[in-house]
């Protein structure tokens, strides 16, 4: 039934996955993300109280911002839309750790964009750290929020804090190769073994 919001949400998920694959292959992926956002728009229209569709649309806006950066554009408007959607998700589900983590990613990306544009990134980065911390506090099994917090601490030159976050992420979910590499790099930077 095309009137079912879940159908549009699932289409959005498939298209977001396709965009991620296109990105990994070095192909243009903006149009695919735009299609995903349209599907999430329809899902939100049909089920405005379901926070899942806004969460996924917010993540898709962040992905769209990545596509804009890939062609040398300014992703600020897309990141604002991501942050807005994720904020709306949190209004509906104020203790939803994945939404805090996703909004933290959007804030971190916003800070990186601000820095690249010669603007002060500190406010965006502080908000990112706050959101990652909130996600970790709400869901002790949410290893990604700890890893993302570690990435941002590393960017900020706060290597000891990055190590702590990567170690915490690996305690929750051992063997994550990406986190293990990040931890090794941070330890090497500090002269640790």
Protein backbone atom coordinates (compact mmCIF):
# COMPACT_ATOMS: atom_id res chain seq x y z
CA UNK A 1 0.00 0.00 0.00
CA UNK A 2 1.69 3.25 -1.14
CA UNK A 3 -0.09 5.16 1.65
CA UNK A 4 1.93 3.37 4.30
CA UNK A 5 4.64 5.59 5.80
CA UNK A 6 6.83 2.54 6.43
CA UNK A 7 7.03 1.89 2.71
CA UNK A 8 8.39 5.40 2.11
CA UNK A 9 10.72 5.09 5.09
CA UNK A 10 12.07 1.79 3.78
CA UNK A 11 12.56 3.27 0.31
CA UNK A 12 14.47 6.12 1.93
CA UNK A 13 16.65 3.62 3.79
CA UNK A 14 17.43 1.70 0.59
CA UNK A 15 18.29 4.89 -1.27
CA UNK A 16 20.50 6.11 1.59
CA UNK A 17 22.33 2.77 1.48
CA UNK A 18 22.70 3.10 -2.28
CA UNK A 19 24.12 6.62 -1.85
CA UNK A 20 26.63 5.32 0.70
CA UNK A 21 27.74 2.64 -1.79
CA UNK A 22 28.01 5.22 -4.58
CA UNK A 23 30.10 7.43 -2.30
CA UNK A 24 32.42 4.52 -1.42
CA UNK A 25 32.89 3.85 -5.13
CA UNK A 26 33.77 7.49 -5.79
CA UNK A 27 30.59 8.10 -7.76
CA UNK A 28 28.28 11.10 -7.53
CA UNK A 29 25.62 10.41 -4.90
CA UNK A 30 23.75 13.69 -4.35
CA UNK A 31 20.77 12.76 -6.56
CA UNK A 32 20.32 9.45 -4.75
CA UNK A 33 20.33 11.21 -1.37
CA UNK A 34 17.82 13.74 -2.71
CA UNK A 35 15.53 10.85 -3.67
CA UNK A 36 15.94 9.37 -0.17
CA UNK A 37 15.05 12.71 1.43
CA UNK A 38 11.88 12.89 -0.70
CA UNK A 39 10.87 9.44 0.54
CA UNK A 40 11.51 10.45 4.16
CA UNK A 41 9.55 13.68 3.55
CA UNK A 42 6.58 11.56 2.50
CA UNK A 43 6.96 9.23 5.47
CA UNK A 44 7.07 12.22 7.84
CA UNK A 45 4.01 13.72 6.13
CA UNK A 46 2.08 10.48 6.58
CA UNK A 47 3.27 9.76 10.13
CA UNK A 48 4.38 13.07 11.69
CA UNK A 49 4.54 11.67 15.23
CA UNK A 50 6.88 8.79 14.35
CA UNK A 51 10.39 10.02 15.23
CA UNK A 52 12.15 7.33 13.19
CA UNK A 53 11.47 9.03 9.87
CA UNK A 54 12.79 12.38 11.09
CA UNK A 55 15.86 10.64 12.52
CA UNK A 56 16.56 8.98 9.17
CA UNK A 57 15.85 12.16 7.23
CA UNK A 58 18.24 14.06 9.50
CA UNK A 59 20.93 11.48 8.81
CA UNK A 60 20.16 11.76 5.08
CA UNK A 61 20.59 15.55 5.25
CA UNK A 62 24.01 14.96 6.82
CA UNK A 63 24.84 12.58 3.96
CA UNK A 64 23.64 15.23 1.49
CA UNK A 65 26.00 17.71 3.14
CA UNK A 66 28.86 15.27 2.46
CA UNK A 67 27.83 15.22 -1.21
CA UNK A 68 27.91 19.02 -1.28
CA UNK A 69 31.40 19.08 0.21
CA UNK A 70 32.54 16.52 -2.40
CA UNK A 71 31.77 19.03 -5.17
CA UNK A 72 33.27 21.99 -3.32
CA UNK A 73 29.97 23.46 -2.14
CA UNK A 74 28.86 24.89 1.18
CA UNK A 75 26.85 22.29 3.14
CA UNK A 76 25.66 24.70 5.85
CA UNK A 77 21.98 24.72 4.82
CA UNK A 78 21.87 20.93 4.68
CA UNK A 79 23.49 20.61 8.08
CA UNK A 80 20.97 23.08 9.49
CA UNK A 81 18.17 20.87 8.13
CA UNK A 82 19.79 17.78 9.67
CA UNK A 83 20.11 19.48 13.06
CA UNK A 84 16.51 20.71 12.82
CA UNK A 85 15.14 17.24 11.99
CA UNK A 86 17.16 15.58 14.72
CA UNK A 87 16.01 18.21 17.21
CA UNK A 88 12.40 17.49 16.22
CA UNK A 89 13.08 13.79 16.76
CA UNK A 90 14.35 14.55 20.25
CA UNK A 91 11.27 16.66 21.03
CA UNK A 92 9.20 13.55 20.38
CA UNK A 93 11.63 11.11 22.05
CA UNK A 94 13.80 13.10 24.46
CA UNK A 95 15.80 10.07 25.62
CA UNK A 96 16.58 8.60 22.19
CA UNK A 97 20.33 7.98 22.13
CA UNK A 98 20.63 7.39 18.34
CA UNK A 99 19.16 10.84 17.66
CA UNK A 100 21.65 12.49 20.03
CA UNK A 101 24.49 10.62 18.30
CA UNK A 102 23.28 11.59 14.82
CA UNK A 103 22.81 15.21 15.85
CA UNK A 104 26.31 15.13 17.35
CA UNK A 105 27.65 14.02 13.97
CA UNK A 106 25.80 16.89 12.29
CA UNK A 107 27.18 19.40 14.83
CA UNK A 108 30.71 18.00 14.40
CA UNK A 109 30.41 18.30 10.62
CA UNK A 110 29.01 21.81 11.05
CA UNK A 111 32.05 22.75 13.15
CA UNK A 112 34.42 21.29 10.57
CA UNK A 113 32.60 23.24 7.86
CA UNK A 114 32.74 26.44 9.89
CA UNK A 115 36.48 25.96 10.38
CA UNK A 116 37.00 25.39 6.64
CA UNK A 117 35.04 28.58 5.93
CA UNK A 118 37.14 30.59 8.38
CA UNK A 119 34.40 30.77 11.02
CA UNK A 120 34.67 29.87 14.71
CA UNK A 121 33.80 26.16 15.06
CA UNK A 122 33.93 25.98 18.86
CA UNK A 123 30.20 26.33 19.55
CA UNK A 124 29.30 23.56 17.09
CA UNK A 125 32.01 21.27 18.46
CA UNK A 126 30.85 21.88 22.04
CA UNK A 127 27.30 20.95 21.02
CA UNK A 128 28.62 17.81 19.32
CA UNK A 129 30.50 16.72 22.43
CA UNK A 130 27.41 17.40 24.52
CA UNK A 131 25.19 15.31 22.20
CA UNK A 132 27.66 12.41 22.04
CA UNK A 133 27.94 12.49 25.83
CA UNK A 134 24.16 12.52 26.22
CA UNK A 135 23.82 9.52 23.88
CA UNK A 136 26.42 7.59 25.87
CA UNK A 137 24.73 8.47 29.17
CA UNK A 138 21.30 7.41 27.90
CA UNK A 139 22.44 4.13 26.38
CA UNK A 140 25.48 2.53 27.96
CA UNK A 141 25.69 0.11 24.99
CA UNK A 142 25.91 2.91 22.40
CA UNK A 143 29.56 2.45 21.44
CA UNK A 144 29.30 4.69 18.37
CA UNK A 145 28.67 7.79 20.48
CA UNK A 146 31.84 7.03 22.46
CA UNK A 147 33.83 6.50 19.26
CA UNK A 148 32.47 9.70 17.69
CA UNK A 149 33.32 11.63 20.84
CA UNK A 150 36.84 10.17 20.60
CA UNK A 151 37.15 11.31 16.99
CA UNK A 152 36.20 14.85 17.95
CA UNK A 153 38.52 14.88 20.96
CA UNK A 154 41.28 13.77 18.59
CA UNK A 155 40.48 16.61 16.17
CA UNK A 156 40.65 19.04 19.07
CA UNK A 157 44.08 17.77 20.12
CA UNK A 158 42.66 16.29 23.31
CA UNK A 159 44.36 12.97 22.69
CA UNK A 160 44.17 11.54 26.24
CA UNK A 161 40.40 12.05 26.21
CA UNK A 162 40.20 10.49 22.74
CA UNK A 163 42.05 7.39 24.00
CA UNK A 164 39.63 7.09 26.93
CA UNK A 165 36.59 7.28 24.60
CA UNK A 166 38.00 4.75 22.11
CA UNK A 167 38.81 2.36 24.95
CA UNK A 168 35.26 2.74 26.29
CA UNK A 169 33.81 2.07 22.84
CA UNK A 170 35.89 -1.11 22.52
CA UNK A 171 34.83 -2.31 25.97
CA UNK A 172 31.23 -2.06 24.82
CA UNK A 173 31.79 -3.57 21.38
CA UNK A 174 35.17 -5.31 21.18
CA UNK A 175 36.92 -5.82 17.88
CA UNK A 176 35.58 -2.84 15.96
CA UNK A 177 38.41 -2.45 13.40
CA UNK A 178 37.84 1.26 12.76
CA UNK A 179 37.83 2.09 16.46
CA UNK A 180 40.86 -0.11 17.06
CA UNK A 181 42.77 1.81 14.36
CA UNK A 182 41.71 5.14 15.86
CA UNK A 183 42.80 3.99 19.32
CA UNK A 184 46.17 2.80 18.02
CA UNK A 185 46.73 6.11 16.23
CA UNK A 186 45.82 8.11 19.34
CA UNK A 187 48.08 5.99 21.53
CA UNK A 188 50.94 6.40 19.05
CA UNK A 189 50.43 10.14 19.10
CA UNK A 190 50.80 10.07 22.88
CA UNK A 191 53.80 7.72 22.76
CA UNK A 192 51.82 4.90 24.40
CA UNK A 193 51.95 1.23 23.43
